Amino acid sequence: MFTSLYSKLAAVVLVLFSLVAILMVALIIYATGMYHQEVDQKLNIDLAENIVKEKLLIKGGTIDREALEDIFHMLMVINPSIELYLLDPQGKVLEYSAAPGKVKRQQVSLGPLHQWMSGDRALPLFGDDPRNPDGRKVFSAAPIFQGENLEGYLYVILGGEHYDSIAHIFQDSFILKASIWLIVAAVAAAGIIGLLIFALLTRRLKRLAAGMDAFKRGEHLANIDLPYDKAAIAPGDEIDHLSTTFREMALRIEEQIMQLHKNDLMRRELVANVSHDLRTPLATLKAYIETMQLKDFDWSLDERHRYLEVAGKHCRRLSSLVDDLFELASLDARETSLDLEPFNIAELIQDVVQNYELSAQKKNITLVSNIGKGHASVIGDIGLVERVLENLIGNALRHTPEGGTVSVILNPTEDYMNVQVFDTGEGIPEDALPHIFDRFYKLDSREDASGAASGFGLGLAIAKRIMDLHGGDIAVDSERHEGTRFTFSFPIHSVS
């Protein structure tokens, strides 16, 4: 029954308002009764004293019954609810105006009477009710003296049994009835208004809950109606905050799901590319070895050397591919294991360029470096930075025709060392630039006479991963038939 937040809030509101209504009615009844008794006591504050002045009720310790009967009769006609009690100096009830058997208490406490007669009284003041052993009622009292001798007290109960029943007291009170009905109506109206307000407040929660259910069912976040105002300048309430948090969480989940799909697609492509790049040299190597086994005795020494050279070339190709795969996997797993140290990047560039000079000369390519002098140090993993330079220079040499030039330029700025590797090759097509650093992405699949492809598509991916680990970036700029420029940078290491 109470499954929704609104129903629970509505039930709580109704219970609280009902309790408030009951409490207010009880409070009004109690306050009205107290006020009535206070007014009654104030109006009759001198009643007992005036009666005593008018009639001498005790003479020489003897009760004047004739005078007492006259007073009983007079008060019965004027106000039947008043009860008179004649007490001795110790508070014992001597005579009373009630019917026989009505009086249950024969002794009245004199404390309230003394307080009444002292004048230090806060009304309403209550005294013992002779008709009720446990009851207390408002009264008026006066001492009875004969000369200087205290003969007793006149004790007047102002409420009488007529006020013992609250229902009887207020059954004819139009004002009290109207007040109670007004309170009930006001509480009911407040309850209805409260339910409407709660309905308005929980409406956004219902929308948010419905949106969450829709997202759980697989609907796209853009198609879900959430209580979220993007244009709001001031921060909203908790519901807006919850909605905003859910939206951000859902967007992140969708991005992660898309990334998982992308990674899965890349994994499939990786497996397909690795399978292709492994299958081609393996098949060629197998064919050459089997051919050598079949024609071992029919071939000349030169033919054997030629076949062995081709087989060795494919073995080296397989070994290079496996090494690149292991290196890329190792880089993916070494997020926090960089061996960072300060080093002079100009010296590193000179060393790497010298290692490739022989390969450049064989292809009739000019390999030059422009590093200047007096360069500051940078912070990085020198082994991995060397790998970046090797991949970029090797890639440039493979894609530069004979007679071309490959340049390694060090361009320092105020805060960074920018390294550029520039070649005068055919350049990279514009549509291929966004994918140039993807794994196994190859610009062409031209093969040489031995059947070996020009590259595996891992060198630039490895360079990009290394720069990512260093918190840097690597960029490419290329124009067709003019050349390609790769640029990466490191912050200068300042010695304090």
Protein backbone atom coordinates (compact mmCIF):
# COMPACT_ATOMS: atom_id res chain seq x y z
CA MET A 1 0.00 0.00 0.00
CA PHE A 2 2.73 2.46 1.01
CA THR A 3 5.22 1.62 -1.72
CA SER A 4 5.86 5.09 -3.14
CA LEU A 5 7.52 8.02 -1.40
CA TYR A 6 4.42 10.15 -1.93
CA SER A 7 2.11 7.63 -0.21
CA LYS A 8 4.49 7.39 2.75
CA LEU A 9 4.75 11.17 3.04
CA ALA A 10 0.97 11.48 2.70
CA ALA A 11 0.40 8.93 5.47
CA VAL A 12 2.88 10.71 7.74
CA VAL A 13 1.25 14.09 7.05
CA LEU A 14 -2.25 12.78 7.75
CA VAL A 15 -1.16 11.14 11.00
CA LEU A 16 0.71 14.26 12.15
CA PHE A 17 -2.15 16.59 11.26
CA SER A 18 -4.64 14.30 13.00
CA LEU A 19 -2.49 14.30 16.12
CA VAL A 20 -2.18 18.09 15.93
CA ALA A 21 -5.95 18.42 15.56
CA ILE A 22 -6.60 16.17 18.56
CA LEU A 23 -3.97 18.01 20.60
CA MET A 24 -5.40 21.42 19.69
CA VAL A 25 -8.96 20.38 20.51
CA ALA A 26 -7.85 18.94 23.85
CA LEU A 27 -5.82 22.09 24.52
CA ILE A 28 -8.76 24.35 23.70
CA ILE A 29 -11.10 22.33 25.91
CA TYR A 30 -8.60 22.40 28.76
CA ALA A 31 -7.81 26.10 28.32
CA THR A 32 -11.50 26.99 28.03
CA GLY A 33 -12.31 25.06 31.21
CA MET A 34 -9.44 26.69 33.07
CA TYR A 35 -10.43 30.11 31.79
CA HIS A 36 -14.07 29.54 32.80
CA GLN A 37 -13.03 28.50 36.31
CA GLU A 38 -10.66 31.44 36.59
CA VAL A 39 -13.42 33.88 35.57
CA ASP A 40 -15.91 32.17 37.87
CA GLN A 41 -13.51 32.43 40.79
CA LYS A 42 -12.76 36.09 40.06
CA LEU A 43 -16.47 36.94 39.85
CA ASN A 44 -17.14 35.21 43.16
CA ILE A 45 -13.94 36.20 44.89
CA ASP A 46 -15.80 37.95 47.80
CA LEU A 47 -18.82 35.62 47.93
CA ALA A 48 -17.86 33.73 51.12
CA GLU A 49 -16.75 36.90 52.88
CA ASN A 50 -20.00 38.71 52.03
CA ILE A 51 -22.09 35.77 53.28
CA VAL A 52 -20.19 35.70 56.55
CA LYS A 53 -20.68 39.45 56.98
CA GLU A 54 -24.40 39.12 56.27
CA LYS A 55 -25.12 36.15 58.53
CA LEU A 56 -23.55 34.94 61.70
CA LEU A 57 -23.45 31.21 61.13
CA ILE A 58 -21.78 30.05 64.38
CA LYS A 59 -22.48 31.45 67.83
CA GLY A 60 -20.44 30.19 70.77
CA GLY A 61 -19.51 27.04 68.92
CA THR A 62 -23.15 26.36 67.98
CA ILE A 63 -24.33 26.40 64.36
CA ASP A 64 -27.15 28.82 63.58
CA ARG A 65 -29.16 26.41 61.44
CA GLU A 66 -31.88 28.91 60.66
CA ALA A 67 -29.37 31.34 59.15
CA LEU A 68 -27.65 28.48 57.38
CA GLU A 69 -30.91 27.26 55.86
CA ASP A 70 -31.71 30.77 54.63
CA ILE A 71 -28.33 30.98 52.89
CA PHE A 72 -28.73 27.49 51.33
CA HIS A 73 -32.15 28.42 49.98
CA MET A 74 -31.00 31.79 48.65
CA LEU A 75 -27.99 30.36 46.81
CA MET A 76 -30.02 27.44 45.45
CA VAL A 77 -32.34 29.96 43.81
CA ILE A 78 -29.51 32.20 42.54
CA ASN A 79 -26.95 29.56 41.42
CA PRO A 80 -27.72 25.87 41.92
CA SER A 81 -24.14 24.87 41.03
CA ILE A 82 -22.65 26.46 44.14
CA GLU A 83 -22.03 24.20 47.15
CA LEU A 84 -21.58 25.53 50.72
CA TYR A 85 -19.59 23.81 53.45
CA LEU A 86 -19.23 24.92 57.05
CA LEU A 87 -15.85 23.91 58.49
CA ASP A 88 -14.46 24.00 62.00
CA PRO A 89 -11.06 25.61 62.66
CA GLN A 90 -9.31 22.28 61.83
CA GLY A 91 -11.07 21.90 58.47
CA LYS A 92 -13.61 19.28 59.51
CA VAL A 93 -16.91 19.47 57.61
CA LEU A 94 -19.70 20.45 60.02
CA GLU A 95 -22.57 21.22 57.65
CA TYR A 96 -23.12 21.34 53.90
CA SER A 97 -25.74 22.19 51.31
CA ALA A 98 -25.59 18.89 49.47
CA ALA A 99 -28.03 16.04 49.73
CA PRO A 100 -27.30 13.36 52.33
CA GLY A 101 -24.69 10.82 51.22
CA LYS A 102 -23.14 13.09 48.57
CA VAL A 103 -20.20 14.23 50.68
CA LYS A 104 -17.30 11.73 50.52
CA ARG A 105 -14.69 13.73 52.34
CA GLN A 106 -15.08 14.83 55.97
CA GLN A 107 -11.86 16.80 56.20
CA VAL A 108 -10.74 19.67 53.93
CA SER A 109 -7.11 20.75 53.64
CA LEU A 110 -6.65 24.23 55.08
CA GLY A 111 -3.55 25.09 53.01
CA PRO A 112 -5.45 26.46 49.99
CA LEU A 113 -7.81 28.33 52.38
CA HIS A 114 -4.95 30.07 54.18
CA GLN A 115 -3.39 30.97 50.79
CA TRP A 116 -6.76 32.35 49.67
CA MET A 117 -7.23 34.47 52.75
CA SER A 118 -3.63 35.71 52.79
CA GLY A 119 -4.22 37.53 49.48
CA ASP A 120 -1.14 35.85 47.89
CA ARG A 121 -3.04 33.84 45.33
CA ALA A 122 -2.74 33.14 41.63
CA LEU A 123 -6.11 32.32 40.11
CA PRO A 124 -7.47 29.83 39.48
CA LEU A 125 -6.74 28.44 42.95
CA PHE A 126 -8.01 24.93 43.68
CA GLY A 127 -9.07 23.36 46.95
CA ASP A 128 -10.35 19.95 48.07
CA ASP A 129 -13.71 18.80 46.69
CA PRO A 130 -15.71 17.20 49.54
CA ARG A 131 -17.82 15.26 47.03
CA ASN A 132 -14.77 13.68 45.37
CA PRO A 133 -11.96 12.18 47.51
CA ASP A 134 -9.42 12.89 44.75
CA GLY A 135 -10.95 15.98 43.17
CA ARG A 136 -10.01 19.65 43.43
CA LYS A 137 -12.12 22.66 42.44
CA VAL A 138 -12.14 26.44 42.49
CA PHE A 139 -13.64 27.92 45.64
CA SER A 140 -14.26 31.00 47.75
CA ALA A 141 -13.60 31.00 51.49
CA ALA A 142 -13.84 33.26 54.52
CA PRO A 143 -13.08 32.80 58.24
CA ILE A 144 -15.89 33.00 60.82
CA PHE A 145 -14.98 34.98 63.94
CA GLN A 146 -16.89 35.70 67.12
CA GLY A 147 -15.01 38.51 68.66
CA GLU A 148 -11.40 37.52 68.30
CA ASN A 149 -12.11 33.80 68.44
CA LEU A 150 -11.98 31.76 65.20
CA GLU A 151 -15.15 29.70 65.09
CA GLY A 152 -14.57 28.07 61.67
CA TYR A 153 -14.66 28.72 57.90
CA LEU A 154 -17.27 29.12 55.22
CA TYR A 155 -16.03 27.06 52.24
CA VAL A 156 -17.89 27.63 48.96
CA ILE A 157 -17.28 25.29 45.97
CA LEU A 158 -18.03 27.33 42.84
CA GLY A 159 -18.17 24.57 40.26
CA GLY A 160 -20.13 21.82 41.93
CA GLU A 161 -20.95 18.53 40.25
CA HIS A 162 -22.29 20.44 37.29
CA TYR A 163 -18.69 20.90 36.06
CA ASP A 164 -17.49 17.34 36.65
CA SER A 165 -18.38 16.28 33.12
CA ILE A 166 -16.60 18.14 30.34
CA ALA A 167 -19.19 17.02 27.83
CA HIS A 168 -21.90 18.49 30.05
CA ILE A 169 -19.95 21.71 30.47
CA PHE A 170 -19.55 22.31 26.75
CA GLN A 171 -22.56 20.58 25.26
CA ASP A 172 -24.43 23.86 24.99
CA SER A 173 -21.43 26.03 24.12
CA PHE A 174 -21.89 27.29 20.56
CA ILE A 175 -18.55 29.13 20.56
CA LEU A 176 -16.65 26.02 21.67
CA LYS A 177 -18.36 23.85 19.09
CA ALA A 178 -17.67 26.38 16.37
CA SER A 179 -14.04 26.66 17.44
CA ILE A 180 -13.57 22.88 17.36
CA TRP A 181 -15.15 22.59 13.91
CA LEU A 182 -13.03 25.49 12.71
CA ILE A 183 -9.87 23.75 13.95
CA VAL A 184 -10.87 20.48 12.30
CA ALA A 185 -11.59 22.30 9.03
CA ALA A 186 -8.30 24.23 9.20
CA VAL A 187 -6.30 21.06 9.89
CA ALA A 188 -8.09 19.23 7.06
CA ALA A 189 -7.41 22.11 4.66
CA ALA A 190 -3.77 22.25 5.75
CA GLY A 191 -3.52 18.48 5.21
CA ILE A 192 -4.93 18.73 1.69
CA ILE A 193 -2.61 21.63 0.85
CA GLY A 194 0.31 19.68 2.31
CA LEU A 195 -0.54 16.67 0.13
CA LEU A 196 -0.66 18.89 -2.95
CA ILE A 197 2.69 20.44 -2.06
CA PHE A 198 4.22 17.00 -1.52
CA ALA A 199 2.80 15.92 -4.87
CA LEU A 200 4.52 18.88 -6.54
CA LEU A 201 7.78 18.24 -4.70
CA THR A 202 7.84 14.52 -5.43
CA ARG A 203 6.89 14.97 -9.08
CA ARG A 204 10.53 15.56 -10.02
CA LEU A 205 11.56 12.53 -8.00
CA LYS A 206 9.03 10.46 -9.94
CA ARG A 207 10.48 11.75 -13.20
CA LEU A 208 13.98 10.96 -12.00
CA ALA A 209 12.97 7.45 -10.91
CA ALA A 210 11.24 6.87 -14.26
CA GLY A 211 14.35 8.12 -16.06
CA MET A 212 16.56 5.75 -14.07
CA ASP A 213 14.27 2.84 -14.91
CA ALA A 214 14.38 3.80 -18.59
CA PHE A 215 18.18 3.99 -18.49
CA LYS A 216 18.27 0.58 -16.80
CA ARG A 217 16.16 -0.80 -19.64
CA GLY A 218 18.77 0.40 -22.12
CA GLU A 219 17.35 3.67 -23.42
CA HIS A 220 19.80 6.34 -24.48
CA LEU A 221 20.27 9.20 -22.03
CA ALA A 222 19.43 11.79 -24.70
CA ASN A 223 15.92 10.30 -24.99
CA ILE A 224 15.22 10.33 -21.24
CA ASP A 225 13.30 13.19 -19.59
CA LEU A 226 15.13 14.15 -16.41
CA PRO A 227 14.32 17.00 -13.96
CA TYR A 228 17.47 18.86 -14.86
CA ASP A 229 17.81 22.46 -16.00
CA LYS A 230 21.06 23.08 -17.87
CA ALA A 231 20.33 26.80 -18.09
CA ALA A 232 19.94 27.25 -14.32
CA ILE A 233 22.54 29.69 -13.00
CA ALA A 234 21.99 29.27 -9.27
CA PRO A 235 22.52 25.81 -7.76
CA GLY A 236 19.29 23.88 -7.31
CA ASP A 237 18.04 21.78 -4.43
CA GLU A 238 18.96 18.19 -3.55
CA ILE A 239 16.71 16.79 -6.30
CA ASP A 240 18.46 18.90 -8.92
CA HIS A 241 21.81 17.83 -7.50
CA LEU A 242 20.75 14.17 -7.59
CA SER A 243 19.49 14.54 -11.16
CA THR A 244 22.71 16.24 -12.23
CA THR A 245 24.80 13.56 -10.56
CA PHE A 246 22.78 10.81 -12.24
CA ARG A 247 23.11 12.50 -15.63
CA GLU A 248 26.89 12.80 -15.23
CA MET A 249 27.10 9.18 -14.06
CA ALA A 250 24.93 7.98 -16.95
CA LEU A 251 27.02 9.94 -19.46
CA ARG A 252 30.16 8.41 -18.04
CA ILE A 253 28.63 4.94 -18.19
CA GLU A 254 27.60 5.47 -21.82
CA GLU A 255 31.10 6.73 -22.64
CA GLN A 256 32.63 3.71 -20.94
CA ILE A 257 30.26 1.39 -22.81
CA MET A 258 31.21 3.06 -26.09
CA GLN A 259 34.86 2.75 -25.14
CA LEU A 260 34.34 -0.93 -24.35
CA HIS A 261 32.72 -1.43 -27.76
CA LYS A 262 35.58 0.48 -29.35
CA ASN A 263 38.14 -1.57 -27.44
CA ASP A 264 36.37 -4.75 -28.44
CA LEU A 265 36.43 -3.66 -32.07
CA MET A 266 40.11 -2.75 -31.75
CA ARG A 267 40.78 -6.12 -30.16
CA ARG A 268 39.09 -7.88 -33.06
CA GLU A 269 41.04 -5.79 -35.54
CA LEU A 270 44.21 -6.42 -33.56
CA VAL A 271 43.68 -10.16 -33.68
CA ALA A 272 42.90 -10.00 -37.40
CA ASN A 273 45.91 -7.81 -38.17
CA VAL A 274 48.27 -9.86 -36.01
CA SER A 275 46.97 -13.03 -37.63
CA HIS A 276 47.53 -11.56 -41.09
CA ASP A 277 50.98 -10.19 -40.32
CA LEU A 278 52.05 -13.46 -38.73
CA ARG A 279 50.45 -15.68 -41.35
CA THR A 280 52.15 -14.04 -44.34
CA PRO A 281 55.80 -14.46 -43.24
CA LEU A 282 55.06 -17.86 -41.69
CA ALA A 283 53.49 -19.11 -44.92
CA THR A 284 56.37 -17.76 -46.99
CA LEU A 285 58.94 -19.17 -44.57
CA LYS A 286 57.22 -22.54 -44.62
CA ALA A 287 57.07 -22.58 -48.42
CA TYR A 288 60.76 -21.72 -48.79
CA ILE A 289 61.87 -24.31 -46.23
CA GLU A 290 59.71 -27.04 -47.77
CA THR A 291 61.05 -26.15 -51.22
CA MET A 292 64.60 -26.39 -49.94
CA GLN A 293 63.84 -29.79 -48.39
CA LEU A 294 62.41 -31.12 -51.68
CA LYS A 295 65.18 -29.77 -53.92
CA ASP A 296 68.13 -29.90 -51.56
CA PHE A 297 70.27 -32.04 -53.87
CA ASP A 298 69.24 -30.29 -57.10
CA TRP A 299 70.13 -26.73 -56.11
CA SER A 300 73.35 -24.90 -56.45
CA LEU A 301 75.02 -23.18 -53.52
CA ASP A 302 73.88 -19.73 -54.74
CA GLU A 303 70.26 -20.86 -54.91
CA ARG A 304 70.45 -22.24 -51.38
CA HIS A 305 71.96 -18.99 -50.07
CA ARG A 306 69.23 -16.97 -51.79
CA TYR A 307 66.45 -19.07 -50.26
CA LEU A 308 68.10 -19.00 -46.85
CA GLU A 309 68.43 -15.23 -47.08
CA VAL A 310 64.71 -14.86 -47.83
CA ALA A 311 63.82 -17.27 -44.99
CA GLY A 312 66.05 -15.36 -42.61
CA LYS A 313 64.45 -12.07 -43.65
CA HIS A 314 60.99 -13.43 -42.79
CA CYS A 315 62.30 -14.80 -39.50
CA ARG A 316 63.62 -11.34 -38.65
CA ARG A 317 60.29 -9.84 -39.63
CA LEU A 318 58.45 -12.25 -37.32
CA SER A 319 60.89 -11.54 -34.53
CA SER A 320 60.46 -7.76 -34.97
CA LEU A 321 56.68 -8.06 -34.97
CA VAL A 322 56.66 -10.18 -31.81
CA ASP A 323 59.09 -7.78 -30.12
CA ASP A 324 56.86 -4.81 -31.00
CA LEU A 325 53.78 -6.60 -29.65
CA PHE A 326 55.53 -7.40 -26.39
CA GLU A 327 56.83 -3.84 -26.12
CA LEU A 328 53.37 -2.36 -26.69
CA ALA A 329 51.84 -4.72 -24.13
CA SER A 330 54.59 -3.80 -21.67
CA LEU A 331 53.94 -0.09 -22.19
CA ASP A 332 50.23 -0.59 -21.57
CA ALA A 333 51.05 -2.20 -18.21
CA ARG A 334 53.64 0.28 -16.92
CA GLU A 335 51.52 3.30 -15.99
CA THR A 336 53.63 4.13 -12.93
CA SER A 337 56.94 2.42 -13.65
CA LEU A 338 58.77 5.04 -15.71
CA ASP A 339 62.45 5.43 -14.86
CA LEU A 340 62.45 9.22 -14.90
CA GLU A 341 65.75 11.07 -14.83
CA PRO A 342 67.19 14.31 -16.22
CA PHE A 343 69.17 13.89 -19.45
CA ASN A 344 70.47 15.98 -22.33
CA ILE A 345 68.13 15.34 -25.23
CA ALA A 346 70.54 16.91 -27.74
CA GLU A 347 73.14 14.25 -27.00
CA LEU A 348 70.50 11.53 -27.28
CA ILE A 349 69.47 12.81 -30.72
CA GLN A 350 73.10 12.76 -31.91
CA ASP A 351 73.53 9.16 -30.76
CA VAL A 352 70.34 7.93 -32.45
CA VAL A 353 71.12 9.78 -35.71
CA GLN A 354 74.59 8.21 -35.82
CA ASN A 355 73.03 4.75 -35.45
CA TYR A 356 70.90 5.33 -38.59
CA GLU A 357 73.55 6.97 -40.78
CA LEU A 358 74.61 3.70 -42.38
CA SER A 359 71.01 2.75 -43.24
CA ALA A 360 70.48 6.20 -44.74
CA GLN A 361 73.62 5.93 -46.86
CA LYS A 362 72.52 2.55 -48.23
CA LYS A 363 69.23 4.11 -49.42
CA ASN A 364 71.01 7.25 -50.67
CA ILE A 365 69.08 9.41 -48.17
CA THR A 366 70.57 12.44 -46.44
CA LEU A 367 70.12 12.19 -42.64
CA VAL A 368 70.92 15.43 -40.81
CA SER A 369 70.40 16.78 -37.31
CA ASN A 370 70.01 20.41 -36.29
CA ILE A 371 70.32 20.57 -32.52
CA GLY A 372 72.35 23.70 -31.84
CA LYS A 373 74.41 24.03 -28.66
CA GLY A 374 74.00 24.43 -24.94
CA HIS A 375 70.56 22.91 -24.56
CA ALA A 376 69.08 22.29 -21.12
CA SER A 377 68.11 18.90 -19.79
CA VAL A 378 64.65 17.34 -19.78
CA ILE A 379 63.01 14.79 -17.50
CA GLY A 380 61.97 11.42 -18.91
CA ASP A 381 62.72 7.75 -19.32
CA ILE A 382 65.77 7.96 -21.58
CA GLY A 383 65.32 4.41 -22.90
CA LEU A 384 61.73 5.06 -23.97
CA VAL A 385 62.53 8.48 -25.44
CA GLU A 386 65.28 6.82 -27.48
CA ARG A 387 62.67 4.33 -28.71
CA VAL A 388 60.46 7.23 -29.87
CA LEU A 389 63.34 8.72 -31.86
CA GLU A 390 64.22 5.35 -33.36
CA ASN A 391 60.64 4.69 -34.46
CA LEU A 392 60.21 8.13 -36.00
CA ILE A 393 63.57 8.15 -37.81
CA GLY A 394 63.16 4.55 -38.99
CA ASN A 395 59.65 5.31 -40.22
CA ALA A 396 60.91 8.42 -42.03
CA LEU A 397 63.69 6.45 -43.75
CA ARG A 398 61.23 3.79 -44.95
CA HIS A 399 58.92 6.37 -46.52
CA THR A 400 61.57 8.66 -48.05
CA PRO A 401 62.68 7.86 -51.61
CA GLU A 402 66.31 7.83 -52.77
CA GLY A 403 67.84 11.27 -52.86
CA GLY A 404 65.50 12.54 -50.17
CA THR A 405 66.30 14.06 -46.80
CA VAL A 406 65.40 13.20 -43.22
CA SER A 407 66.02 15.96 -40.66
CA VAL A 408 65.95 15.83 -36.86
CA ILE A 409 65.49 19.34 -35.47
CA LEU A 410 65.65 20.44 -31.82
CA ASN A 411 63.66 23.62 -31.32
CA PRO A 412 63.84 24.90 -27.70
CA THR A 413 61.32 27.38 -26.27
CA GLU A 414 61.18 29.04 -22.86
CA ASP A 415 59.63 26.04 -21.12
CA TYR A 416 59.83 23.14 -23.58
CA MET A 417 62.20 21.23 -25.83
CA ASN A 418 60.42 20.52 -29.12
CA VAL A 419 61.80 17.69 -31.23
CA GLN A 420 60.85 17.46 -34.92
CA VAL A 421 61.53 14.61 -37.35
CA PHE A 422 60.97 15.82 -40.91
CA ASP A 423 61.20 13.84 -44.15
CA THR A 424 60.79 14.75 -47.82
CA GLY A 425 58.72 11.70 -48.72
CA GLU A 426 55.37 11.54 -50.45
CA GLY A 427 53.48 12.63 -47.33
CA ILE A 428 50.39 11.19 -45.66
CA PRO A 429 46.87 11.45 -47.12
CA GLU A 430 44.64 13.83 -45.21
CA ASP A 431 42.05 11.16 -44.44
CA ALA A 432 44.76 8.95 -42.91
CA LEU A 433 46.13 11.55 -40.46
CA PRO A 434 43.54 10.88 -37.69
CA HIS A 435 44.46 7.16 -37.72
CA ILE A 436 48.23 7.40 -38.12
CA PHE A 437 48.87 6.46 -34.47
CA ASP A 438 46.37 3.57 -34.38
CA ARG A 439 47.74 0.09 -33.88
CA PHE A 440 48.30 -1.90 -37.08
CA TYR A 441 47.26 1.04 -39.22
CA LYS A 442 49.41 1.01 -42.37
CA LEU A 443 49.43 3.60 -45.12
CA ASP A 444 50.12 1.00 -47.79
CA SER A 445 50.67 -2.71 -48.13
CA ARG A 446 53.33 -2.71 -50.85
CA GLU A 447 55.65 -5.64 -50.63
CA ASP A 448 59.18 -6.03 -51.86
CA ALA A 449 60.48 -8.83 -54.04
CA SER A 450 60.71 -11.20 -51.09
CA GLY A 451 57.12 -10.71 -50.13
CA ALA A 452 57.83 -8.67 -47.00
CA ALA A 453 55.51 -5.77 -46.27
CA SER A 454 56.88 -2.32 -45.66
CA GLY A 455 55.79 -2.13 -42.01
CA PHE A 456 53.55 -3.53 -39.27
CA GLY A 457 51.76 -0.37 -38.08
CA LEU A 458 53.08 -0.58 -34.49
CA GLY A 459 56.00 1.85 -34.49
CA LEU A 460 53.92 5.03 -34.33
CA ALA A 461 51.47 3.43 -31.85
CA ILE A 462 54.42 2.63 -29.58
CA ALA A 463 55.72 6.21 -29.88
CA LYS A 464 52.27 7.60 -29.04
CA ARG A 465 51.95 5.32 -26.01
CA ILE A 466 55.38 6.36 -24.71
CA MET A 467 54.46 10.04 -24.97
CA ASP A 468 51.15 9.35 -23.20
CA LEU A 469 53.05 7.77 -20.31
CA HIS A 470 55.22 10.88 -20.07
CA GLY A 471 52.15 13.11 -20.03
CA GLY A 472 53.16 14.66 -23.34
CA ASP A 473 51.82 14.59 -26.85
CA ILE A 474 53.01 13.79 -30.33
CA ALA A 475 51.61 15.50 -33.41
CA VAL A 476 51.90 15.01 -37.15
CA ASP A 477 51.74 17.50 -40.00
CA SER A 478 51.93 16.38 -43.60
CA GLU A 479 51.39 17.56 -47.15
CA ARG A 480 51.20 15.25 -50.15
CA HIS A 481 54.40 15.08 -52.25
CA GLU A 482 56.16 17.51 -49.90
CA GLY A 483 56.84 15.52 -46.75
CA THR A 484 55.80 14.74 -43.20
CA ARG A 485 56.76 16.32 -39.87
CA PHE A 486 56.36 14.58 -36.47
CA THR A 487 56.72 16.79 -33.37
CA PHE A 488 56.91 15.88 -29.67
CA SER A 489 58.05 17.94 -26.68
CA PHE A 490 59.28 17.65 -23.10
CA PRO A 491 59.32 20.31 -20.35
CA ILE A 492 62.76 21.72 -19.60
CA HIS A 493 64.29 20.47 -16.34
CA SER A 494 65.24 23.45 -14.18
CA VAL A 495 67.98 22.91 -11.62
CA SER A 496 67.17 24.76 -8.40
